[in-house]
PDB file of N, CA and C in Angstrom:
ATOM      1  N   MET A   1     -38.642   5.161 -37.160  1.00  0.00           N
ATOM      2  CA  MET A   1     -37.716   6.052 -36.401  1.00  0.00           C
ATOM      3  C   MET A   1     -36.284   5.823 -36.221  1.00  0.00           C
ATOM      4  N   VAL A   2     -35.257   6.263 -36.289  1.00  0.00           N
ATOM      5  CA  VAL A   2     -34.398   6.080 -35.825  1.00  0.00           C
ATOM      6  C   VAL A   2     -33.978   6.623 -34.892  1.00  0.00           C
ATOM      7  N   THR A   3     -33.286   5.537 -33.846  1.00  0.00           N
ATOM      8  CA  THR A   3     -32.784   6.561 -32.679  1.00  0.00           C
ATOM      9  C   THR A   3     -31.744   6.887 -32.480  1.00  0.00           C
ATOM     10  N   VAL A   4     -31.135   7.974 -32.140  1.00  0.00           N
ATOM     11  CA  VAL A   4     -29.345   8.515 -32.214  1.00  0.00           C
ATOM     12  C   VAL A   4     -29.213   8.379 -31.037  1.00  0.00           C
ATOM     13  N   TYR A   5     -28.147   7.773 -30.375  1.00  0.00           N
ATOM     14  CA  TYR A   5     -27.303   7.956 -29.044  1.00  0.00           C
ATOM     15  C   TYR A   5     -26.384   8.781 -29.587  1.00  0.00           C
ATOM     16  N   SER A   6     -26.137   9.761 -28.184  1.00  0.00           N
ATOM     17  CA  SER A   6     -24.895  10.077 -28.343  1.00  0.00           C
ATOM     18  C   SER A   6     -23.506   9.486 -28.039  1.00  0.00           C
ATOM     19  N   LYS A   7     -23.705   8.309 -27.189  1.00  0.00           N
ATOM     20  CA  LYS A   7     -22.351   7.912 -27.077  1.00  0.00           C
ATOM     21  C   LYS A   7     -22.886   6.309 -27.273  1.00  0.00           C
ATOM     22  N   THR A   8     -22.226   5.399 -28.394  1.00  0.00           N
ATOM     23  CA  THR A   8     -22.094   4.357 -28.614  1.00  0.00           C
ATOM     24  C   THR A   8     -22.377   3.260 -27.594  1.00  0.00           C
ATOM     25  N   PRO A   9     -22.663   2.046 -27.049  1.00  0.00           N
ATOM     26  CA  PRO A   9     -22.486   1.262 -26.494  1.00  0.00           C
ATOM     27  C   PRO A   9     -21.463   0.750 -25.795  1.00  0.00           C
ATOM     28  N   GLU A  10     -20.304   0.566 -26.938  1.00  0.00           N
ATOM     29  CA  GLU A  10     -18.962   0.501 -26.357  1.00  0.00           C
ATOM     30  C   GLU A  10     -18.373   1.408 -25.904  1.00  0.00           C
ATOM     31  N   VAL A  11     -18.653   2.750 -26.257  1.00  0.00           N
ATOM     32  CA  VAL A  11     -17.651   3.791 -25.800  1.00  0.00           C
ATOM     33  C   VAL A  11     -18.391   3.744 -23.950  1.00  0.00           C
ATOM     34  N   VAL A  12     -19.887   3.947 -23.740  1.00  0.00           N
ATOM     35  CA  VAL A  12     -20.296   3.629 -22.559  1.00  0.00           C
ATOM     36  C   VAL A  12     -19.766   2.591 -21.812  1.00  0.00           C
ATOM     37  N   THR A  13     -19.674   1.320 -22.132  1.00  0.00           N
ATOM     38  CA  THR A  13     -18.981  -0.039 -21.457  1.00  0.00           C
ATOM     39  C   THR A  13     -17.450   0.725 -21.026  1.00  0.00           C
ATOM     40  N   ASP A  14     -16.794   1.058 -22.256  1.00  0.00           N
ATOM     41  CA  ASP A  14     -15.425   1.333 -21.946  1.00  0.00           C
ATOM     42  C   ASP A  14     -15.075   2.516 -20.844  1.00  0.00           C
ATOM     43  N   ASN A  15     -16.260   3.473 -20.527  1.00  0.00           N
ATOM     44  CA  ASN A  15     -16.241   4.345 -19.708  1.00  0.00           C
ATOM     45  C   ASN A  15     -16.079   3.663 -18.480  1.00  0.00           C
ATOM     46  N   VAL A  16     -17.108   2.947 -18.098  1.00  0.00           N
ATOM     47  CA  VAL A  16     -17.672   2.094 -16.988  1.00  0.00           C
ATOM     48  C   VAL A  16     -16.633   1.104 -16.619  1.00  0.00           C
ATOM     49  N   VAL A  17     -16.050   0.854 -17.546  1.00  0.00           N
ATOM     50  CA  VAL A  17     -14.938  -0.468 -17.324  1.00  0.00           C
ATOM     51  C   VAL A  17     -13.689   0.429 -16.799  1.00  0.00           C
ATOM     52  N   ASP A  18     -13.154   1.683 -17.351  1.00  0.00           N
ATOM     53  CA  ASP A  18     -11.998   2.432 -16.781  1.00  0.00           C
ATOM     54  C   ASP A  18     -12.355   2.871 -15.734  1.00  0.00           C
ATOM     55  N   ASN A  19     -13.926   3.314 -14.857  1.00  0.00           N
ATOM     56  CA  ASN A  19     -13.911   3.865 -13.899  1.00  0.00           C
ATOM     57  C   ASN A  19     -13.811   2.977 -12.572  1.00  0.00           C
ATOM     58  N   VAL A  20     -13.867   1.583 -12.991  1.00  0.00           N
ATOM     59  CA  VAL A  20     -14.217   0.309 -12.391  1.00  0.00           C
ATOM     60  C   VAL A  20     -12.820   0.050 -12.106  1.00  0.00           C
ATOM     61  N   VAL A  21     -12.012   0.427 -13.076  1.00  0.00           N
ATOM     62  CA  VAL A  21     -10.444  -0.023 -12.935  1.00  0.00           C
ATOM     63  C   VAL A  21      -9.719   1.355 -12.055  1.00  0.00           C
ATOM     64  N   ASP A  22     -10.282   2.515 -12.594  1.00  0.00           N
ATOM     65  CA  ASP A  22      -9.282   3.406 -11.969  1.00  0.00           C
ATOM     66  C   ASP A  22      -9.873   3.335 -10.025  1.00  0.00           C
ATOM     67  N   SER A  23     -11.016   2.931  -9.572  1.00  0.00           N
ATOM     68  CA  SER A  23     -11.080   2.473  -8.529  1.00  0.00           C
ATOM     69  C   SER A  23     -10.520   1.507  -7.771  1.00  0.00           C
ATOM     70  N   VAL A  24     -10.530   0.571  -8.520  1.00  0.00           N
ATOM     71  CA  VAL A  24      -9.695  -0.659  -7.937  1.00  0.00           C
ATOM     72  C   VAL A  24      -8.434  -0.410  -7.547  1.00  0.00           C
ATOM     73  N   VAL A  25      -7.909   0.382  -8.595  1.00  0.00           N
ATOM     74  CA  VAL A  25      -6.288   0.653  -8.595  1.00  0.00           C
ATOM     75  C   VAL A  25      -6.210   1.842  -7.358  1.00  0.00           C
ATOM     76  N   ASP A  26      -6.970   2.742  -7.351  1.00  0.00           N
ATOM     77  CA  ASP A  26      -7.038   3.430  -6.257  1.00  0.00           C
ATOM     78  C   ASP A  26      -6.977   2.722  -5.098  1.00  0.00           C
ATOM     79  N   ASN A  27      -7.963   1.967  -4.751  1.00  0.00           N
ATOM     80  CA  ASN A  27      -8.148   1.470  -3.545  1.00  0.00           C
ATOM     81  C   ASN A  27      -6.715   0.651  -3.053  1.00  0.00           C
ATOM     82  N   VAL A  28      -6.311  -0.025  -4.243  1.00  0.00           N
ATOM     83  CA  VAL A  28      -5.208  -0.795  -3.787  1.00  0.00           C
ATOM     84  C   VAL A  28      -3.826   0.023  -3.310  1.00  0.00           C
ATOM     85  N   VAL A  29      -3.772   1.072  -3.954  1.00  0.00           N
ATOM     86  CA  VAL A  29      -2.731   2.235  -3.665  1.00  0.00           C
ATOM     87  C   VAL A  29      -3.041   2.972  -2.177  1.00  0.00           C
ATOM     88  N   ASP A  30      -4.274   3.107  -1.575  1.00  0.00           N
ATOM     89  CA  ASP A  30      -4.465   3.510  -0.600  1.00  0.00           C
ATOM     90  C   ASP A  30      -4.225   2.674   0.145  1.00  0.00           C
ATOM     91  N   ASN A  31      -4.625   1.311   0.121  1.00  0.00           N
ATOM     92  CA  ASN A  31      -4.353   0.167   0.850  1.00  0.00           C
ATOM     93  C   ASN A  31      -2.987   0.230   1.307  1.00  0.00           C
ATOM     94  N   ARG A  32      -2.061   0.143   0.182  1.00  0.00           N
ATOM     95  CA  ARG A  32      -0.543   0.233   0.371  1.00  0.00           C
ATOM     96  C   ARG A  32       0.051   1.213   1.199  1.00  0.00           C
ATOM     97  N   LEU A  33      -0.648   2.437   0.821  1.00  0.00           N
ATOM     98  CA  LEU A  33      -0.142   3.851   1.574  1.00  0.00           C
ATOM     99  C   LEU A  33       0.034   3.329   3.311  1.00  0.00           C
ATOM    100  N   ASN A  34      -1.671   3.052   3.565  1.00  0.00           N
ATOM    101  CA  ASN A  34      -1.859   2.643   4.902  1.00  0.00           C
ATOM    102  C   ASN A  34      -0.900   1.071   5.751  1.00  0.00           C
ATOM    103  N   LYS A  35      -0.836   1.023   5.086  1.00  0.00           N
ATOM    104  CA  LYS A  35       0.107  -0.460   5.094  1.00  0.00           C
ATOM    105  C   LYS A  35       1.818   0.093   5.385  1.00  0.00           C
ATOM    106  N   ILE A  36       1.920   0.864   4.435  1.00  0.00           N
ATOM    107  CA  ILE A  36       3.276   1.262   4.630  1.00  0.00           C
ATOM    108  C   ILE A  36       3.459   2.379   5.753  1.00  0.00           C
ATOM    109  N   LEU A  37       2.769   2.855   6.555  1.00  0.00           N
ATOM    110  CA  LEU A  37       2.176   3.807   7.658  1.00  0.00           C
ATOM    111  C   LEU A  37       2.308   2.739   8.815  1.00  0.00           C
ATOM    112  N   GLU A  38       1.808   1.842   8.820  1.00  0.00           N
ATOM    113  CA  GLU A  38       1.453   0.790   9.907  1.00  0.00           C
ATOM    114  C   GLU A  38       2.857   0.367   9.983  1.00  0.00           C
ATOM    115  N   LEU A  39       3.768  -0.251   8.719  1.00  0.00           N
ATOM    116  CA  LEU A  39       4.843  -0.810   9.117  1.00  0.00           C
ATOM    117  C   LEU A  39       5.835   0.464   9.447  1.00  0.00           C
ATOM    118  N   ILE A  40       5.945   1.348   9.406  1.00  0.00           N
ATOM    119  CA  ILE A  40       6.692   2.695   9.857  1.00  0.00           C
ATOM    120  C   ILE A  40       6.012   2.585  11.313  1.00  0.00           C
ATOM    121  N   ILE A  41       5.221   2.393  11.752  1.00  0.00           N
ATOM    122  CA  ILE A  41       4.665   2.873  13.108  1.00  0.00           C
ATOM    123  C   ILE A  41       5.642   1.626  13.846  1.00  0.00           C
ATOM    124  N   GLU A  42       5.287   0.311  13.280  1.00  0.00           N
ATOM    125  CA  GLU A  42       5.731  -0.686  14.278  1.00  0.00           C
ATOM    126  C   GLU A  42       7.326  -0.847  14.125  1.00  0.00           C
ATOM    127  N   ASN A  43       7.898   0.275  13.258  1.00  0.00           N
ATOM    128  CA  ASN A  43       9.626   0.154  13.199  1.00  0.00           C
ATOM    129  C   ASN A  43       9.924   1.333  12.465  1.00  0.00           C
ATOM    130  N   ASN A  44      10.325   2.371  13.194  1.00  0.00           N
ATOM    131  CA  ASN A  44      10.446   3.689  12.371  1.00  0.00           C
ATOM    132  C   ASN A  44      12.052   3.810  12.033  1.00  0.00           C
ATOM    133  N   GLN A  45      12.393   2.648  12.236  1.00  0.00           N
ATOM    134  CA  GLN A  45      13.858   2.638  11.075  1.00  0.00           C
ATOM    135  C   GLN A  45      14.129   1.792  10.171  1.00  0.00           C
ATOM    136  N   ILE A  46      12.477   1.156   9.405  1.00  0.00           N
ATOM    137  CA  ILE A  46      12.586   0.424   8.430  1.00  0.00           C
ATOM    138  C   ILE A  46      12.862   0.480   7.338  1.00  0.00           C
ATOM    139  N   SER A  47      13.539  -0.049   6.386  1.00  0.00           N
ATOM    140  CA  SER A  47      13.729   0.869   4.977  1.00  0.00           C
ATOM    141  C   SER A  47      12.984   0.694   3.979  1.00  0.00           C
ATOM    142  N   ALA A  48      13.019   0.986   2.879  1.00  0.00           N
ATOM    143  CA  ALA A  48      12.193   1.021   1.505  1.00  0.00           C
ATOM    144  C   ALA A  48      12.241  -0.415   1.411  1.00  0.00           C
ATOM    145  N   VAL A  49      13.444  -1.485   1.215  1.00  0.00           N
ATOM    146  CA  VAL A  49      13.717  -2.539   0.746  1.00  0.00           C
ATOM    147  C   VAL A  49      12.922  -3.673   1.531  1.00  0.00           C
ATOM    148  N   GLN A  50      13.246  -3.189   3.148  1.00  0.00           N
ATOM    149  CA  GLN A  50      12.451  -4.388   3.930  1.00  0.00           C
ATOM    150  C   GLN A  50      10.593  -4.233   3.801  1.00  0.00           C
ATOM    151  N   ILE A  51      10.474  -3.045   3.775  1.00  0.00           N
ATOM    152  CA  ILE A  51       9.042  -2.930   3.201  1.00  0.00           C
ATOM    153  C   ILE A  51       8.516  -2.977   2.177  1.00  0.00           C
ATOM    154  N   ALA A  52       9.567  -3.316   1.073  1.00  0.00           N
ATOM    155  CA  ALA A  52       8.858  -4.130  -0.128  1.00  0.00           C
ATOM    156  C   ALA A  52       9.175  -5.615  -0.140  1.00  0.00           C
ATOM    157  N   LYS A  53       9.540  -5.953   0.728  1.00  0.00           N
ATOM    158  CA  LYS A  53       9.710  -7.586   0.677  1.00  0.00           C
ATOM    159  C   LYS A  53       8.466  -7.867   1.472  1.00  0.00           C
ATOM    160  N   LEU A  54       8.302  -7.135   2.327  1.00  0.00           N
ATOM    161  CA  LEU A  54       7.056  -7.498   3.448  1.00  0.00           C
ATOM    162  C   LEU A  54       5.627  -7.481   2.629  1.00  0.00           C
ATOM    163  N   LEU A  55       5.379  -6.217   2.015  1.00  0.00           N
ATOM    164  CA  LEU A  55       4.355  -5.914   0.746  1.00  0.00           C
ATOM    165  C   LEU A  55       4.927  -6.670  -0.483  1.00  0.00           C
ATOM    166  N   ASN A  56       5.533  -7.557  -0.845  1.00  0.00           N
ATOM    167  CA  ASN A  56       5.835  -8.037  -2.035  1.00  0.00           C
ATOM    168  C   ASN A  56       5.483  -7.136  -3.474  1.00  0.00           C
ATOM    169  N   VAL A  57       6.203  -5.874  -3.028  1.00  0.00           N
ATOM    170  CA  VAL A  57       6.432  -4.708  -4.428  1.00  0.00           C
ATOM    171  C   VAL A  57       7.611  -4.457  -4.190  1.00  0.00           C
ATOM    172  N   THR A  58       7.953  -3.582  -5.771  1.00  0.00           N
ATOM    173  CA  THR A  58       9.391  -3.784  -5.470  1.00  0.00           C
ATOM    174  C   THR A  58       9.722  -2.515  -4.609  1.00  0.00           C
ATOM    175  N   SER A  59      11.341  -2.172  -4.648  1.00  0.00           N
ATOM    176  CA  SER A  59      11.272  -1.029  -3.339  1.00  0.00           C
ATOM    177  C   SER A  59      11.225   0.218  -4.236  1.00  0.00           C
ATOM    178  N   ARG A  60      11.663   0.158  -5.533  1.00  0.00           N
ATOM    179  CA  ARG A  60      10.784   1.248  -6.037  1.00  0.00           C
ATOM    180  C   ARG A  60       9.404   1.657  -5.957  1.00  0.00           C
ATOM    181  N   THR A  61       8.333   1.024  -5.951  1.00  0.00           N
ATOM    182  CA  THR A  61       7.063   1.411  -5.214  1.00  0.00           C
ATOM    183  C   THR A  61       7.027   1.821  -4.015  1.00  0.00           C
ATOM    184  N   VAL A  62       7.797   1.462  -3.245  1.00  0.00           N
ATOM    185  CA  VAL A  62       7.832   1.721  -2.357  1.00  0.00           C
ATOM    186  C   VAL A  62       8.573   3.308  -1.943  1.00  0.00           C
ATOM    187  N   GLN A  63       9.199   3.379  -2.525  1.00  0.00           N
ATOM    188  CA  GLN A  63       9.544   4.680  -2.691  1.00  0.00           C
ATOM    189  C   GLN A  63       8.659   5.641  -3.411  1.00  0.00           C
ATOM    190  N   ARG A  64       8.005   5.057  -4.203  1.00  0.00           N
ATOM    191  CA  ARG A  64       7.228   6.365  -4.883  1.00  0.00           C
ATOM    192  C   ARG A  64       6.097   6.600  -3.981  1.00  0.00           C
ATOM    193  N   GLU A  65       5.490   5.435  -3.242  1.00  0.00           N
ATOM    194  CA  GLU A  65       4.548   5.502  -2.293  1.00  0.00           C
ATOM    195  C   GLU A  65       5.059   6.397  -0.879  1.00  0.00           C
ATOM    196  N   ILE A  66       6.204   6.260  -0.756  1.00  0.00           N
ATOM    197  CA  ILE A  66       6.677   7.628   0.311  1.00  0.00           C
ATOM    198  C   ILE A  66       6.648   8.429  -0.199  1.00  0.00           C
ATOM    199  N   GLU A  67       6.869   8.766  -1.216  1.00  0.00           N
ATOM    200  CA  GLU A  67       7.118  10.257  -1.660  1.00  0.00           C
ATOM    201  C   GLU A  67       5.589  10.761  -1.723  1.00  0.00           C
ATOM    202  N   LYS A  68       4.808   9.971  -2.016  1.00  0.00           N
ATOM    203  CA  LYS A  68       3.033  10.811  -1.919  1.00  0.00           C
ATOM    204  C   LYS A  68       3.037  10.806  -1.037  1.00  0.00           C
ATOM    205  N   LEU A  69       3.527   9.944   0.290  1.00  0.00           N
ATOM    206  CA  LEU A  69       2.740  10.409   1.818  1.00  0.00           C
ATOM    207  C   LEU A  69       3.828  11.321   2.295  1.00  0.00           C
ATOM    208  N   LYS A  70       5.114  11.839   1.497  1.00  0.00           N
ATOM    209  CA  LYS A  70       5.766  13.081   2.184  1.00  0.00           C
ATOM    210  C   LYS A  70       4.819  14.086   1.358  1.00  0.00           C
ATOM    211  N   LYS A  71       4.591  13.827   0.331  1.00  0.00           N
ATOM    212  CA  LYS A  71       3.803  15.245  -0.078  1.00  0.00           C
ATOM    213  C   LYS A  71       2.336  15.522   0.322  1.00  0.00           C
ATOM    214  N   LEU A  72       1.733  14.342   0.747  1.00  0.00           N
ATOM    215  CA  LEU A  72       0.434  14.160   1.681  1.00  0.00           C
ATOM    216  C   LEU A  72       0.815  14.909   2.919  1.00  0.00           C
ATOM    217  N   ASN A  73       2.301  15.135   3.387  1.00  0.00           N
ATOM    218  CA  ASN A  73       2.300  15.684   4.753  1.00  0.00           C
ATOM    219  C   ASN A  73       1.834  14.907   5.866  1.00  0.00           C
ATOM    220  N   LYS A  74       2.561  13.428   5.608  1.00  0.00           N
ATOM    221  CA  LYS A  74       1.876  12.502   6.670  1.00  0.00           C
ATOM    222  C   LYS A  74       2.968  11.753   6.888  1.00  0.00           C
ATOM    223  N   LEU A  75       4.171  11.663   6.434  1.00  0.00           N
ATOM    224  CA  LEU A  75       5.381  11.146   6.614  1.00  0.00           C
ATOM    225  C   LEU A  75       6.999  12.178   6.177  1.00  0.00           C
ATOM    226  N   LYS A  76       7.632  12.181   6.978  1.00  0.00           N
ATOM    227  CA  LYS A  76       8.871  12.712   6.909  1.00  0.00           C
ATOM    228  C   LYS A  76      10.011  12.120   7.388  1.00  0.00           C
ATOM    229  N   ARG A  77      10.942  12.392   6.745  1.00  0.00           N
ATOM    230  CA  ARG A  77      12.311  11.682   7.242  1.00  0.00           C
ATOM    231  C   ARG A  77      13.233  12.375   8.151  1.00  0.00           C
ATOM    232  N   ALA A  78      13.941  11.973   9.303  1.00  0.00           N
ATOM    233  CA  ALA A  78      14.866  12.460  10.124  1.00  0.00           C
ATOM    234  C   ALA A  78      16.357  11.798  10.520  1.00  0.00           C
ATOM    235  N   GLY A  79      17.080  13.133  10.047  1.00  0.00           N
ATOM    236  CA  GLY A  79      18.114  12.021  10.364  1.00  0.00           C
ATOM    237  C   GLY A  79      18.819  11.817   8.555  1.00  0.00           C
ATOM    238  N   SER A  80      19.974  11.187   8.664  1.00  0.00           N
ATOM    239  CA  SER A  80      20.482  10.839   7.416  1.00  0.00           C
ATOM    240  C   SER A  80      19.458   9.635   6.699  1.00  0.00           C
ATOM    241  N   GLU A  81      19.864   8.969   5.460  1.00  0.00           N
ATOM    242  CA  GLU A  81      19.041   8.018   4.942  1.00  0.00           C
ATOM    243  C   GLU A  81      19.688   6.659   5.862  1.00  0.00           C
ATOM    244  N   LYS A  82      20.699   6.604   5.709  1.00  0.00           N
ATOM    245  CA  LYS A  82      21.195   5.497   6.617  1.00  0.00           C
ATOM    246  C   LYS A  82      21.237   5.296   8.081  1.00  0.00           C
ATOM    247  N   GLY A  83      21.760   6.235   8.528  1.00  0.00           N
ATOM    248  CA  GLY A  83      21.017   6.233  10.447  1.00  0.00           C
ATOM    249  C   GLY A  83      20.014   6.912  10.645  1.00  0.00           C
ATOM    250  N   GLY A  84      18.872   7.670  10.042  1.00  0.00           N
ATOM    251  CA  GLY A  84      18.180   8.361  10.211  1.00  0.00           C
ATOM    252  C   GLY A  84      16.809   7.759  10.588  1.00  0.00           C
ATOM    253  N   HIS A  85      15.656   8.124  10.508  1.00  0.00           N
ATOM    254  CA  HIS A  85      14.368   7.516  11.232  1.00  0.00           C
ATOM    255  C   HIS A  85      13.016   7.670   9.993  1.00  0.00           C
ATOM    256  N   TRP A  86      12.255   7.084  10.119  1.00  0.00           N
ATOM    257  CA  TRP A  86      10.930   8.072  10.040  1.00  0.00           C
ATOM    258  C   TRP A  86      10.240   8.678  10.960  1.00  0.00           C
ATOM    259  N   GLU A  87       9.453   9.585  10.558  1.00  0.00           N
ATOM    260  CA  GLU A  87       8.684  10.033  11.808  1.00  0.00           C
ATOM    261  C   GLU A  87       7.164  10.179  10.734  1.00  0.00           C
ATOM    262  N   ILE A  88       6.178   9.873  11.761  1.00  0.00           N
ATOM    263  CA  ILE A  88       4.754  10.169  10.960  1.00  0.00           C
ATOM    264  C   ILE A  88       4.258  11.549  11.470  1.00  0.00           C
ATOM    265  N   ILE A  89       3.519  12.206  10.941  1.00  0.00           N
ATOM    266  CA  ILE A  89       3.232  13.815  11.033  1.00  0.00           C
ATOM    267  C   ILE A  89       1.891  13.447  11.394  1.00  0.00           C
ATOM    268  N   SER A  90       1.461  13.732  12.327  1.00  0.00           N
ATOM    269  CA  SER A  90       0.121  13.347  13.219  1.00  0.00           C
ATOM    270  C   SER A  90      -0.788  14.654  12.662  1.00  0.00           C
ATOM    271  N   GLU A  91      -2.357  14.283  12.250  1.00  0.00           N
ATOM    272  CA  GLU A  91      -3.292  15.590  11.977  1.00  0.00           C
ATOM    273  C   GLU A  91      -3.647  15.716  13.201  1.00  0.00           C
ATOM    274  N   SER A  92      -3.452  17.192  13.277  1.00  0.00           N
ATOM    275  CA  SER A  92      -3.995  18.231  14.325  1.00  0.00           C
ATOM    276  C   SER A  92      -4.938  18.830  13.934  1.00  0.00           C
TER     277      SER A  92
END
Protein backbone atom coordinates (compact mmCIF):
# COMPACT_ATOMS: atom_id res chain seq x y z
CA MET A 1 0.00 0.00 0.00
CA VAL A 2 1.26 3.46 -0.93
CA THR A 3 0.60 6.41 1.36
CA VAL A 4 -0.05 9.68 -0.42
CA TYR A 5 0.59 12.95 1.39
CA SER A 6 -1.06 16.15 0.32
CA LYS A 7 2.14 18.01 1.05
CA THR A 8 5.66 16.75 0.80
CA PRO A 9 7.83 16.94 3.93
CA GLU A 10 9.94 19.64 2.28
CA VAL A 11 6.89 21.86 1.77
CA VAL A 12 5.82 21.38 5.38
CA THR A 13 9.34 22.18 6.58
CA ASP A 14 9.49 25.25 4.35
CA ASN A 15 6.16 26.46 5.74
CA VAL A 16 7.33 26.01 9.34
CA VAL A 17 10.59 27.84 8.62
CA ASP A 18 8.71 30.65 6.86
CA ASN A 19 6.34 31.01 9.81
CA VAL A 20 9.19 31.10 12.33
CA VAL A 21 11.12 33.65 10.27
CA ASP A 22 8.00 35.82 9.87
CA SER A 23 7.39 35.64 13.62
CA VAL A 24 10.97 36.63 14.44
CA VAL A 25 10.90 39.52 11.96
CA ASP A 26 7.58 40.75 13.36
CA ASN A 27 9.01 40.60 16.88
CA VAL A 28 12.12 42.56 15.87
CA VAL A 29 9.99 45.24 14.18
CA ASP A 30 7.63 45.48 17.17
CA ASN A 31 10.59 45.85 19.53
CA ARG A 32 12.12 48.53 17.30
CA LEU A 33 8.82 50.45 17.17
CA ASN A 34 8.63 50.37 20.96
CA LYS A 35 12.25 51.53 21.29
CA ILE A 36 11.56 54.42 18.91
CA LEU A 37 8.57 55.48 21.02
CA GLU A 38 10.68 55.24 24.19
CA LEU A 39 13.40 57.43 22.67
CA ILE A 40 10.81 59.98 21.57
CA ILE A 41 9.28 60.01 25.06
CA GLU A 42 12.77 60.78 26.44
CA ASN A 43 13.43 63.51 23.85
CA ASN A 44 10.54 64.63 21.65
CA GLN A 45 12.93 66.61 19.41
CA ILE A 46 15.15 63.64 18.55
CA SER A 47 15.88 63.18 14.86
CA ALA A 48 15.60 60.05 12.75
CA VAL A 49 19.38 60.14 12.31
CA GLN A 50 19.91 60.22 16.08
CA ILE A 51 17.44 57.38 16.59
CA ALA A 52 19.16 55.36 13.86
CA LYS A 53 22.55 55.76 15.55
CA LEU A 54 21.14 54.70 18.92
CA LEU A 55 19.39 51.65 17.44
CA ASN A 56 22.23 50.78 15.06
CA VAL A 57 20.02 50.86 11.96
CA THR A 58 19.84 53.16 8.95
CA SER A 59 17.96 56.44 9.09
CA ARG A 60 15.77 55.11 6.24
CA THR A 61 14.73 52.19 8.47
CA VAL A 62 13.78 54.65 11.19
CA GLN A 63 11.82 56.76 8.70
CA ARG A 64 9.87 53.66 7.59
CA GLU A 65 9.16 52.73 11.21
CA ILE A 66 8.03 56.28 12.00
CA GLU A 67 5.63 56.10 9.04
CA LYS A 68 4.24 52.86 10.50
CA LEU A 69 3.75 54.55 13.88
CA LYS A 70 1.95 57.44 12.19
CA LYS A 71 -0.33 55.03 10.29
CA LEU A 72 -1.03 53.20 13.55
CA ASN A 73 -2.03 56.57 15.00
CA LYS A 74 0.59 56.36 17.74
CA LEU A 75 2.80 59.26 16.67
CA LYS A 76 2.52 62.61 14.95
CA ARG A 77 4.81 65.45 14.08
CA ALA A 78 4.03 68.94 15.36
CA GLY A 79 5.68 71.87 13.64
CA SER A 80 8.33 71.82 10.97
CA GLU A 81 10.80 69.04 10.26
CA LYS A 82 13.69 71.07 11.64
CA GLY A 83 12.03 73.05 14.42
CA GLY A 84 9.16 70.79 15.37
CA HIS A 85 8.78 67.92 17.75
CA TRP A 86 7.17 64.50 18.04
CA GLU A 87 3.93 63.92 19.89
CA ILE A 88 2.93 60.52 21.19
CA ILE A 89 -0.77 59.96 20.64
CA SER A 90 -2.16 58.45 23.81
CA GLU A 91 -4.69 55.65 23.58
CA SER A 92 -7.94 56.70 25.19
